[in-house]
Amino acid sequence: MPEEIIISGPNKGFEEIKEVDENGIEFWTARELFPLLGYATWQAFNEVVTRAARAALNSGQIVENHFSQLTKLVDIGSGGKRAVKDWKLDRYACYLIAQNGDPKIPQIALAQTYFAVQTRRQEIFDKLPDAEKRLFIRGEVTSENKKLFKTAKEAGVSHFGLFNDAGYRGLYGAPLSDVEVKKGIKKGELLDRAGATELAANLFRITQTDEKLKKDRVRGDSAAQRTHNMVGGKVRQTIKDIGGDLPENLKPEKHIKEIKKEMKLMEKQAKKNLLPSKKRSKKSN
């Protein structure tokens, strides 16, 4: 399992200012990001963004996929407004901005560490066998689901079954009961029989619904169900847009409990295999 590394400081704020567009894609705006990274003026930070965009171009990336120019109106007092330039940035763009920032600024140095850690965690995760990936993501889903239901309760949700099903309807295009029948699995087994790809889609649905409920201050059963359904639908549309397999068409895998049992047996066997060499080492001493 990946080693859990916690970065404290302004990076908590980095995740808090994240937004999600109409396609369910996460992004940050440069105007909100620059004070978080310790820059006092927009002009200085804009130069960093430009350098970062140039770095993306030099590495063969399509810059517009990561850095999108925006124009928005801001208040200037007495009811007046003026247009200012901004950038819509994805996570890769934020990473490049941190790498091209001034490392003498404490917030930039911390951001560089943050992205280095995140990259390392992804490298570790990518090397995990499929079974361990499933276990890891299933654990994340359980953890994030607890947060979502806490948020839903605070939003006034009382019919949690309907709230839960609304998310599945959005992501799977059908009620949970129909999905279980289609996959030929028992009631309540969907997430425990889902593979890594299907679990990842559900994890994104869960985390983004949690953020949406909080950000929009959603209140009441009906509004919360609509939000959950909408977010699930956005995730589904994104899967369609990139040509992925829709979750209801993914085949169920071994129950997660069986995977846990198999891994425990493998660990026991590995320990047994180590015992003879330890005994030989003691005798030689």
C-alpha atoms as a PDB file:
ATOM      1  CA  MET A   1       0.000   0.000   0.000  1.00  0.00           C
ATOM      2  CA  PRO A   2       1.224   3.551  -0.699  1.00  0.00           C
ATOM      3  CA  GLU A   3       2.844   5.268   2.252  1.00  0.00           C
ATOM      4  CA  GLU A   4       0.504   7.947   3.602  1.00  0.00           C
ATOM      5  CA  ILE A   5       2.179  11.353   3.389  1.00  0.00           C
ATOM      6  CA  ILE A   6       0.436  14.425   4.722  1.00  0.00           C
ATOM      7  CA  ILE A   7       1.443  17.893   3.591  1.00  0.00           C
ATOM      8  CA  SER A   8       0.354  20.689   5.901  1.00  0.00           C
ATOM      9  CA  GLY A   9       0.216  24.395   5.200  1.00  0.00           C
ATOM     10  CA  PRO A  10      -1.238  26.294   2.240  1.00  0.00           C
ATOM     11  CA  ASN A  11      -1.765  23.146   0.172  1.00  0.00           C
ATOM     12  CA  LYS A  12      -4.978  22.509   2.100  1.00  0.00           C
ATOM     13  CA  GLY A  13      -6.151  25.816   0.664  1.00  0.00           C
ATOM     14  CA  PHE A  14      -5.041  24.646  -2.789  1.00  0.00           C
ATOM     15  CA  GLU A  15      -7.568  21.812  -2.728  1.00  0.00           C
ATOM     16  CA  GLU A  16     -10.227  24.065  -1.201  1.00  0.00           C
ATOM     17  CA  ILE A  17     -10.141  26.608  -4.076  1.00  0.00           C
ATOM     18  CA  LYS A  18     -10.514  23.856  -6.663  1.00  0.00           C
ATOM     19  CA  GLU A  19     -13.572  24.189  -8.889  1.00  0.00           C
ATOM     20  CA  VAL A  20     -15.363  21.758 -11.193  1.00  0.00           C
ATOM     21  CA  ASP A  21     -16.617  22.783 -14.633  1.00  0.00           C
ATOM     22  CA  GLU A  22     -19.774  21.697 -16.436  1.00  0.00           C
ATOM     23  CA  ASN A  23     -18.003  18.573 -17.713  1.00  0.00           C
ATOM     24  CA  GLY A  24     -17.006  17.462 -14.219  1.00  0.00           C
ATOM     25  CA  ILE A  25     -13.349  18.462 -14.774  1.00  0.00           C
ATOM     26  CA  GLU A  26     -11.449  20.012 -11.861  1.00  0.00           C
ATOM     27  CA  PHE A  27      -9.683  23.353 -12.365  1.00  0.00           C
ATOM     28  CA  TRP A  28      -8.179  26.348 -10.578  1.00  0.00           C
ATOM     29  CA  THR A  29      -8.204  30.050 -11.531  1.00  0.00           C
ATOM     30  CA  ALA A  30      -4.946  31.976 -11.482  1.00  0.00           C
ATOM     31  CA  ARG A  31      -6.522  34.955  -9.710  1.00  0.00           C
ATOM     32  CA  GLU A  32      -7.386  32.769  -6.725  1.00  0.00           C
ATOM     33  CA  LEU A  33      -4.149  30.819  -6.890  1.00  0.00           C
ATOM     34  CA  PHE A  34      -1.564  33.611  -6.936  1.00  0.00           C
ATOM     35  CA  PRO A  35      -2.002  34.948  -3.366  1.00  0.00           C
ATOM     36  CA  LEU A  36      -2.009  31.351  -2.102  1.00  0.00           C
ATOM     37  CA  LEU A  37       1.412  30.871  -3.676  1.00  0.00           C
ATOM     38  CA  GLY A  38       2.821  33.962  -1.980  1.00  0.00           C
ATOM     39  CA  TYR A  39       2.805  36.441  -4.878  1.00  0.00           C
ATOM     40  CA  ALA A  40       1.912  40.026  -4.018  1.00  0.00           C
ATOM     41  CA  THR A  41       0.985  41.210  -7.518  1.00  0.00           C
ATOM     42  CA  TRP A  42      -0.884  39.742 -10.448  1.00  0.00           C
ATOM     43  CA  GLN A  43       1.755  41.006 -12.889  1.00  0.00           C
ATOM     44  CA  ALA A  44       4.536  38.993 -11.252  1.00  0.00           C
ATOM     45  CA  PHE A  45       2.416  35.857 -11.057  1.00  0.00           C
ATOM     46  CA  ASN A  46       1.223  36.206 -14.651  1.00  0.00           C
ATOM     47  CA  GLU A  47       4.872  36.041 -15.764  1.00  0.00           C
ATOM     48  CA  VAL A  48       5.194  32.725 -13.911  1.00  0.00           C
ATOM     49  CA  VAL A  49       2.063  31.387 -15.635  1.00  0.00           C
ATOM     50  CA  THR A  50       3.511  32.407 -19.010  1.00  0.00           C
ATOM     51  CA  ARG A  51       6.783  30.596 -18.254  1.00  0.00           C
ATOM     52  CA  ALA A  52       4.851  27.520 -17.148  1.00  0.00           C
ATOM     53  CA  ALA A  53       2.781  27.536 -20.358  1.00  0.00           C
ATOM     54  CA  ARG A  54       6.013  27.802 -22.362  1.00  0.00           C
ATOM     55  CA  ALA A  55       7.391  24.808 -20.468  1.00  0.00           C
ATOM     56  CA  ALA A  56       4.262  22.823 -21.389  1.00  0.00           C
ATOM     57  CA  LEU A  57       4.739  23.756 -25.054  1.00  0.00           C
ATOM     58  CA  ASN A  58       8.417  22.766 -24.974  1.00  0.00           C
ATOM     59  CA  SER A  59       7.502  19.362 -23.558  1.00  0.00           C
ATOM     60  CA  GLY A  60       5.166  18.696 -26.477  1.00  0.00           C
ATOM     61  CA  GLN A  61       1.873  19.415 -24.696  1.00  0.00           C
ATOM     62  CA  ILE A  62      -1.106  21.187 -26.257  1.00  0.00           C
ATOM     63  CA  VAL A  63      -1.021  24.303 -24.079  1.00  0.00           C
ATOM     64  CA  GLU A  64      -4.737  25.052 -24.416  1.00  0.00           C
ATOM     65  CA  ASN A  65      -5.559  21.702 -22.820  1.00  0.00           C
ATOM     66  CA  HIS A  66      -3.973  22.895 -19.581  1.00  0.00           C
ATOM     67  CA  PHE A  67      -3.956  26.716 -19.688  1.00  0.00           C
ATOM     68  CA  SER A  68      -7.114  28.517 -20.872  1.00  0.00           C
ATOM     69  CA  GLN A  69      -7.276  32.328 -20.924  1.00  0.00           C
ATOM     70  CA  LEU A  70     -10.345  33.893 -19.336  1.00  0.00           C
ATOM     71  CA  THR A  71     -11.777  37.385 -19.018  1.00  0.00           C
ATOM     72  CA  LYS A  72     -14.038  38.213 -16.109  1.00  0.00           C
ATOM     73  CA  LEU A  73     -15.602  41.267 -14.508  1.00  0.00           C
ATOM     74  CA  VAL A  74     -14.524  42.414 -11.046  1.00  0.00           C
ATOM     75  CA  ASP A  75     -15.993  45.051  -8.761  1.00  0.00           C
ATOM     76  CA  ILE A  76     -14.080  48.354  -8.590  1.00  0.00           C
ATOM     77  CA  GLY A  77     -16.351  50.119  -6.098  1.00  0.00           C
ATOM     78  CA  SER A  78     -19.420  52.337  -6.390  1.00  0.00           C
ATOM     79  CA  GLY A  79     -21.165  49.619  -8.375  1.00  0.00           C
ATOM     80  CA  GLY A  80     -18.601  49.752 -11.174  1.00  0.00           C
ATOM     81  CA  LYS A  81     -16.908  46.776 -12.823  1.00  0.00           C
ATOM     82  CA  ARG A  82     -13.946  46.249 -15.105  1.00  0.00           C
ATOM     83  CA  ALA A  83     -12.700  43.352 -17.188  1.00  0.00           C
ATOM     84  CA  VAL A  84      -9.547  41.546 -16.030  1.00  0.00           C
ATOM     85  CA  LYS A  85      -7.607  38.662 -17.540  1.00  0.00           C
ATOM     86  CA  ASP A  86      -7.432  35.319 -15.782  1.00  0.00           C
ATOM     87  CA  TRP A  87      -6.353  31.746 -16.463  1.00  0.00           C
ATOM     88  CA  LYS A  88      -8.262  28.488 -16.069  1.00  0.00           C
ATOM     89  CA  LEU A  89      -5.687  25.905 -14.997  1.00  0.00           C
ATOM     90  CA  ASP A  90      -5.744  22.143 -14.634  1.00  0.00           C
ATOM     91  CA  ARG A  91      -3.666  20.265 -12.049  1.00  0.00           C
ATOM     92  CA  TYR A  92      -0.768  19.781 -14.473  1.00  0.00           C
ATOM     93  CA  ALA A  93      -0.691  23.535 -15.128  1.00  0.00           C
ATOM     94  CA  CYS A  94      -0.594  24.232 -11.383  1.00  0.00           C
ATOM     95  CA  TYR A  95       2.298  21.784 -11.075  1.00  0.00           C
ATOM     96  CA  LEU A  96       4.246  23.608 -13.820  1.00  0.00           C
ATOM     97  CA  ILE A  97       3.516  26.965 -12.192  1.00  0.00           C
ATOM     98  CA  ALA A  98       4.951  25.717  -8.901  1.00  0.00           C
ATOM     99  CA  GLN A  99       8.058  24.403 -10.701  1.00  0.00           C
ATOM    100  CA  ASN A 100       8.556  27.740 -12.489  1.00  0.00           C
ATOM    101  CA  GLY A 101       7.910  29.903  -9.416  1.00  0.00           C
ATOM    102  CA  ASP A 102      10.467  31.512  -7.158  1.00  0.00           C
ATOM    103  CA  PRO A 103      11.662  28.801  -4.713  1.00  0.00           C
ATOM    104  CA  LYS A 104      12.710  31.517  -2.244  1.00  0.00           C
ATOM    105  CA  ILE A 105       9.003  32.177  -1.643  1.00  0.00           C
ATOM    106  CA  PRO A 106       8.020  29.742   1.175  1.00  0.00           C
ATOM    107  CA  GLN A 107       4.621  28.961  -0.369  1.00  0.00           C
ATOM    108  CA  ILE A 108       6.236  28.071  -3.711  1.00  0.00           C
ATOM    109  CA  ALA A 109       8.783  25.829  -1.995  1.00  0.00           C
ATOM    110  CA  LEU A 110       5.965  24.073  -0.139  1.00  0.00           C
ATOM    111  CA  ALA A 111       3.942  23.723  -3.343  1.00  0.00           C
ATOM    112  CA  GLN A 112       6.937  22.153  -5.094  1.00  0.00           C
ATOM    113  CA  THR A 113       7.223  19.644  -2.258  1.00  0.00           C
ATOM    114  CA  TYR A 114       3.483  18.976  -2.415  1.00  0.00           C
ATOM    115  CA  PHE A 115       3.532  18.166  -6.127  1.00  0.00           C
ATOM    116  CA  ALA A 116       6.692  16.085  -5.773  1.00  0.00           C
ATOM    117  CA  VAL A 117       4.946  13.996  -3.104  1.00  0.00           C
ATOM    118  CA  GLN A 118       1.782  13.661  -5.194  1.00  0.00           C
ATOM    119  CA  THR A 119       3.834  12.541  -8.195  1.00  0.00           C
ATOM    120  CA  ARG A 120       5.661   9.960  -6.080  1.00  0.00           C
ATOM    121  CA  ARG A 121       2.396   8.656  -4.661  1.00  0.00           C
ATOM    122  CA  GLN A 122       1.060   8.248  -8.208  1.00  0.00           C
ATOM    123  CA  GLU A 123       4.235   6.405  -9.260  1.00  0.00           C
ATOM    124  CA  ILE A 124       3.831   4.029  -6.318  1.00  0.00           C
ATOM    125  CA  PHE A 125       0.147   3.532  -7.094  1.00  0.00           C
ATOM    126  CA  ASP A 126       0.837   2.820 -10.788  1.00  0.00           C
ATOM    127  CA  LYS A 127       3.208   0.001  -9.796  1.00  0.00           C
ATOM    128  CA  LEU A 128       0.673  -1.719  -7.560  1.00  0.00           C
ATOM    129  CA  PRO A 129      -0.834  -5.016  -8.793  1.00  0.00           C
ATOM    130  CA  ASP A 130      -4.496  -4.812  -9.830  1.00  0.00           C
ATOM    131  CA  ALA A 131      -5.671  -6.514  -6.628  1.00  0.00           C
ATOM    132  CA  GLU A 132      -3.891  -3.955  -4.439  1.00  0.00           C
ATOM    133  CA  LYS A 133      -5.269  -1.109  -6.543  1.00  0.00           C
ATOM    134  CA  ARG A 134      -8.762  -2.435  -5.971  1.00  0.00           C
ATOM    135  CA  LEU A 135      -8.192  -2.678  -2.227  1.00  0.00           C
ATOM    136  CA  PHE A 136      -6.728   0.813  -2.088  1.00  0.00           C
ATOM    137  CA  ILE A 137      -9.491   2.497  -4.111  1.00  0.00           C
ATOM    138  CA  ARG A 138     -12.202   0.530  -2.290  1.00  0.00           C
ATOM    139  CA  GLY A 139     -10.823   1.881   0.975  1.00  0.00           C
ATOM    140  CA  GLU A 140     -10.885   5.412  -0.430  1.00  0.00           C
ATOM    141  CA  VAL A 141     -14.488   4.950  -1.585  1.00  0.00           C
ATOM    142  CA  THR A 142     -15.525   3.811   1.900  1.00  0.00           C
ATOM    143  CA  SER A 143     -13.771   6.763   3.529  1.00  0.00           C
ATOM    144  CA  GLU A 144     -15.145   9.369   1.107  1.00  0.00           C
ATOM    145  CA  ASN A 145     -18.646   7.881   1.266  1.00  0.00           C
ATOM    146  CA  LYS A 146     -18.658   8.473   5.029  1.00  0.00           C
ATOM    147  CA  LYS A 147     -17.761  12.121   4.405  1.00  0.00           C
ATOM    148  CA  LEU A 148     -20.472  12.440   1.751  1.00  0.00           C
ATOM    149  CA  PHE A 149     -23.204  11.050   3.992  1.00  0.00           C
ATOM    150  CA  LYS A 150     -22.091  13.354   6.805  1.00  0.00           C
ATOM    151  CA  THR A 151     -22.335  16.314   4.409  1.00  0.00           C
ATOM    152  CA  ALA A 152     -25.699  15.085   3.124  1.00  0.00           C
ATOM    153  CA  LYS A 153     -27.025  14.808   6.671  1.00  0.00           C
ATOM    154  CA  GLU A 154     -25.907  18.370   7.384  1.00  0.00           C
ATOM    155  CA  ALA A 155     -27.694  19.431   4.180  1.00  0.00           C
ATOM    156  CA  GLY A 156     -30.957  18.057   5.576  1.00  0.00           C
ATOM    157  CA  VAL A 157     -31.072  14.742   3.704  1.00  0.00           C
ATOM    158  CA  SER A 158     -33.283  12.196   5.456  1.00  0.00           C
ATOM    159  CA  HIS A 159     -33.944   9.659   2.685  1.00  0.00           C
ATOM    160  CA  PHE A 160     -30.415   8.352   2.232  1.00  0.00           C
ATOM    161  CA  GLY A 161     -31.495   5.405   0.081  1.00  0.00           C
ATOM    162  CA  LEU A 162     -33.026   7.739  -2.500  1.00  0.00           C
ATOM    163  CA  PHE A 163     -30.052  10.106  -2.258  1.00  0.00           C
ATOM    164  CA  ASN A 164     -27.617   7.229  -2.848  1.00  0.00           C
ATOM    165  CA  ASP A 165     -29.644   5.826  -5.744  1.00  0.00           C
ATOM    166  CA  ALA A 166     -29.772   9.252  -7.420  1.00  0.00           C
ATOM    167  CA  GLY A 167     -25.986   9.168  -7.780  1.00  0.00           C
ATOM    168  CA  TYR A 168     -26.033   5.668  -9.225  1.00  0.00           C
ATOM    169  CA  ARG A 169     -28.786   6.654 -11.671  1.00  0.00           C
ATOM    170  CA  GLY A 170     -26.608   9.481 -12.909  1.00  0.00           C
ATOM    171  CA  LEU A 171     -23.421   7.419 -13.255  1.00  0.00           C
ATOM    172  CA  TYR A 172     -24.926   4.126 -14.460  1.00  0.00           C
ATOM    173  CA  GLY A 173     -27.974   5.478 -16.305  1.00  0.00           C
ATOM    174  CA  ALA A 174     -30.229   3.199 -14.227  1.00  0.00           C
ATOM    175  CA  PRO A 175     -31.275   2.523 -10.619  1.00  0.00           C
ATOM    176  CA  LEU A 176     -28.877   0.494  -8.487  1.00  0.00           C
ATOM    177  CA  SER A 177     -31.255  -2.505  -8.412  1.00  0.00           C
ATOM    178  CA  ASP A 178     -31.289  -2.653 -12.237  1.00  0.00           C
ATOM    179  CA  VAL A 179     -27.487  -2.431 -12.375  1.00  0.00           C
ATOM    180  CA  GLU A 180     -27.172  -5.329  -9.916  1.00  0.00           C
ATOM    181  CA  VAL A 181     -29.519  -7.446 -12.054  1.00  0.00           C
ATOM    182  CA  LYS A 182     -27.620  -6.555 -15.246  1.00  0.00           C
ATOM    183  CA  LYS A 183     -24.288  -7.520 -13.670  1.00  0.00           C
ATOM    184  CA  GLY A 184     -25.726 -10.668 -12.047  1.00  0.00           C
ATOM    185  CA  ILE A 185     -24.561  -9.745  -8.548  1.00  0.00           C
ATOM    186  CA  LYS A 186     -26.260  -9.795  -5.154  1.00  0.00           C
ATOM    187  CA  LYS A 187     -27.937  -6.783  -3.608  1.00  0.00           C
ATOM    188  CA  GLY A 188     -25.432  -4.445  -1.985  1.00  0.00           C
ATOM    189  CA  GLU A 189     -22.410  -5.996  -3.706  1.00  0.00           C
ATOM    190  CA  LEU A 190     -21.817  -3.430  -6.468  1.00  0.00           C
ATOM    191  CA  LEU A 191     -18.795  -1.635  -5.007  1.00  0.00           C
ATOM    192  CA  ASP A 192     -17.328  -4.829  -3.523  1.00  0.00           C
ATOM    193  CA  ARG A 193     -17.462  -6.511  -6.948  1.00  0.00           C
ATOM    194  CA  ALA A 194     -16.290  -3.464  -8.947  1.00  0.00           C
ATOM    195  CA  GLY A 195     -12.859  -3.349 -10.583  1.00  0.00           C
ATOM    196  CA  ALA A 196     -10.377  -0.491 -10.196  1.00  0.00           C
ATOM    197  CA  THR A 197     -11.758   1.521 -13.143  1.00  0.00           C
ATOM    198  CA  GLU A 198     -15.363   1.303 -11.955  1.00  0.00           C
ATOM    199  CA  LEU A 199     -14.352   2.114  -8.380  1.00  0.00           C
ATOM    200  CA  ALA A 200     -12.401   5.156  -9.583  1.00  0.00           C
ATOM    201  CA  ALA A 201     -15.490   6.479 -11.403  1.00  0.00           C
ATOM    202  CA  ASN A 202     -17.547   6.057  -8.222  1.00  0.00           C
ATOM    203  CA  LEU A 203     -14.848   7.709  -6.130  1.00  0.00           C
ATOM    204  CA  PHE A 204     -14.925  10.776  -8.390  1.00  0.00           C
ATOM    205  CA  ARG A 205     -18.738  10.842  -8.225  1.00  0.00           C
ATOM    206  CA  ILE A 206     -18.642  10.732  -4.425  1.00  0.00           C
ATOM    207  CA  THR A 207     -15.940  13.360  -3.859  1.00  0.00           C
ATOM    208  CA  GLN A 208     -17.369  15.816  -6.382  1.00  0.00           C
ATOM    209  CA  THR A 209     -20.891  15.478  -4.961  1.00  0.00           C
ATOM    210  CA  ASP A 210     -19.530  16.186  -1.487  1.00  0.00           C
ATOM    211  CA  GLU A 211     -17.812  19.351  -2.720  1.00  0.00           C
ATOM    212  CA  LYS A 212     -20.862  20.466  -4.726  1.00  0.00           C
ATOM    213  CA  LEU A 213     -23.221  20.080  -1.767  1.00  0.00           C
ATOM    214  CA  LYS A 214     -20.898  22.197   0.373  1.00  0.00           C
ATOM    215  CA  LYS A 215     -20.021  24.824  -2.229  1.00  0.00           C
ATOM    216  CA  ASP A 216     -23.611  25.430  -3.390  1.00  0.00           C
ATOM    217  CA  ARG A 217     -25.008  25.097   0.145  1.00  0.00           C
ATOM    218  CA  VAL A 218     -27.579  22.612  -1.082  1.00  0.00           C
ATOM    219  CA  ARG A 219     -30.471  22.022   1.317  1.00  0.00           C
ATOM    220  CA  GLY A 220     -33.197  19.382   1.444  1.00  0.00           C
ATOM    221  CA  ASP A 221     -33.771  15.900   0.047  1.00  0.00           C
ATOM    222  CA  SER A 222     -34.914  16.877  -3.442  1.00  0.00           C
ATOM    223  CA  ALA A 223     -32.116  19.359  -4.076  1.00  0.00           C
ATOM    224  CA  ALA A 224     -29.460  16.957  -2.763  1.00  0.00           C
ATOM    225  CA  GLN A 225     -30.795  14.112  -4.913  1.00  0.00           C
ATOM    226  CA  ARG A 226     -30.728  16.356  -8.007  1.00  0.00           C
ATOM    227  CA  THR A 227     -27.145  17.364  -7.228  1.00  0.00           C
ATOM    228  CA  HIS A 228     -25.999  13.767  -6.755  1.00  0.00           C
ATOM    229  CA  ASN A 229     -27.731  12.699  -9.953  1.00  0.00           C
ATOM    230  CA  MET A 230     -26.244  15.623 -11.904  1.00  0.00           C
ATOM    231  CA  VAL A 231     -22.684  14.926 -10.744  1.00  0.00           C
ATOM    232  CA  GLY A 232     -23.057  11.213 -11.542  1.00  0.00           C
ATOM    233  CA  GLY A 233     -24.334  12.170 -14.986  1.00  0.00           C
ATOM    234  CA  LYS A 234     -21.347  14.477 -15.585  1.00  0.00           C
ATOM    235  CA  VAL A 235     -18.934  11.683 -14.708  1.00  0.00           C
ATOM    236  CA  ARG A 236     -20.841   9.375 -17.066  1.00  0.00           C
ATOM    237  CA  GLN A 237     -20.670  11.947 -19.883  1.00  0.00           C
ATOM    238  CA  THR A 238     -16.927  12.371 -19.368  1.00  0.00           C
ATOM    239  CA  ILE A 239     -16.465   8.597 -19.713  1.00  0.00           C
ATOM    240  CA  LYS A 240     -18.456   8.755 -22.972  1.00  0.00           C
ATOM    241  CA  ASP A 241     -16.438  11.734 -24.245  1.00  0.00           C
ATOM    242  CA  ILE A 242     -13.107   9.948 -23.800  1.00  0.00           C
ATOM    243  CA  GLY A 243     -14.431   6.718 -25.306  1.00  0.00           C
ATOM    244  CA  GLY A 244     -14.309   4.682 -22.099  1.00  0.00           C
ATOM    245  CA  ASP A 245     -16.482   1.722 -21.181  1.00  0.00           C
ATOM    246  CA  LEU A 246     -19.619   2.756 -19.323  1.00  0.00           C
ATOM    247  CA  PRO A 247     -19.639   1.358 -15.772  1.00  0.00           C
ATOM    248  CA  GLU A 248     -22.738  -0.799 -16.220  1.00  0.00           C
ATOM    249  CA  ASN A 249     -20.915  -2.666 -19.014  1.00  0.00           C
ATOM    250  CA  LEU A 250     -17.842  -3.493 -16.903  1.00  0.00           C
ATOM    251  CA  LYS A 251     -17.787  -7.096 -15.724  1.00  0.00           C
ATOM    252  CA  PRO A 252     -17.947  -7.768 -11.961  1.00  0.00           C
ATOM    253  CA  GLU A 253     -14.795  -9.103 -10.349  1.00  0.00           C
ATOM    254  CA  LYS A 254     -14.071 -11.253  -7.315  1.00  0.00           C
ATOM    255  CA  HIS A 255     -15.629  -9.996  -4.110  1.00  0.00           C
ATOM    256  CA  ILE A 256     -13.229  -7.701  -2.280  1.00  0.00           C
ATOM    257  CA  LYS A 257     -13.418  -9.980   0.785  1.00  0.00           C
ATOM    258  CA  GLU A 258     -11.968 -12.833  -1.271  1.00  0.00           C
ATOM    259  CA  ILE A 259      -9.126 -10.583  -2.427  1.00  0.00           C
ATOM    260  CA  LYS A 260      -8.359  -9.673   1.187  1.00  0.00           C
ATOM    261  CA  LYS A 261      -8.296 -13.360   2.194  1.00  0.00           C
ATOM    262  CA  GLU A 262      -6.001 -14.260  -0.704  1.00  0.00           C
ATOM    263  CA  MET A 263      -3.595 -11.448   0.138  1.00  0.00           C
ATOM    264  CA  LYS A 264      -3.484 -12.487   3.806  1.00  0.00           C
ATOM    265  CA  LEU A 265      -2.653 -16.048   2.752  1.00  0.00           C
ATOM    266  CA  MET A 266       0.078 -14.746   0.448  1.00  0.00           C
ATOM    267  CA  GLU A 267       1.536 -12.692   3.311  1.00  0.00           C
ATOM    268  CA  LYS A 268       1.528 -15.736   5.613  1.00  0.00           C
ATOM    269  CA  GLN A 269       3.202 -17.846   2.940  1.00  0.00           C
ATOM    270  CA  ALA A 270       5.823 -15.161   2.353  1.00  0.00           C
ATOM    271  CA  LYS A 271       6.611 -15.109   6.088  1.00  0.00           C
ATOM    272  CA  LYS A 272       6.927 -18.898   6.158  1.00  0.00           C
ATOM    273  CA  ASN A 273       9.335 -18.798   3.235  1.00  0.00           C
ATOM    274  CA  LEU A 274      11.514 -16.374   5.168  1.00  0.00           C
ATOM    275  CA  LEU A 275      11.775 -18.572   8.279  1.00  0.00           C
ATOM    276  CA  PRO A 276      14.276 -21.171   6.959  1.00  0.00           C
ATOM    277  CA  SER A 277      16.755 -18.511   5.846  1.00  0.00           C
ATOM    278  CA  LYS A 278      16.524 -16.868   9.281  1.00  0.00           C
ATOM    279  CA  LYS A 279      17.225 -20.208  10.999  1.00  0.00           C
ATOM    280  CA  ARG A 280      20.264 -20.810   8.760  1.00  0.00           C
ATOM    281  CA  SER A 281      21.525 -17.339   9.526  1.00  0.00           C
ATOM    282  CA  LYS A 282      21.273 -18.025  13.303  1.00  0.00           C
ATOM    283  CA  LYS A 283      23.153 -21.338  12.952  1.00  0.00           C
ATOM    284  CA  SER A 284      25.952 -19.718  10.969  1.00  0.00           C
ATOM    285  CA  ASN A 285      26.394 -17.203  13.785  1.00  0.00           C
END
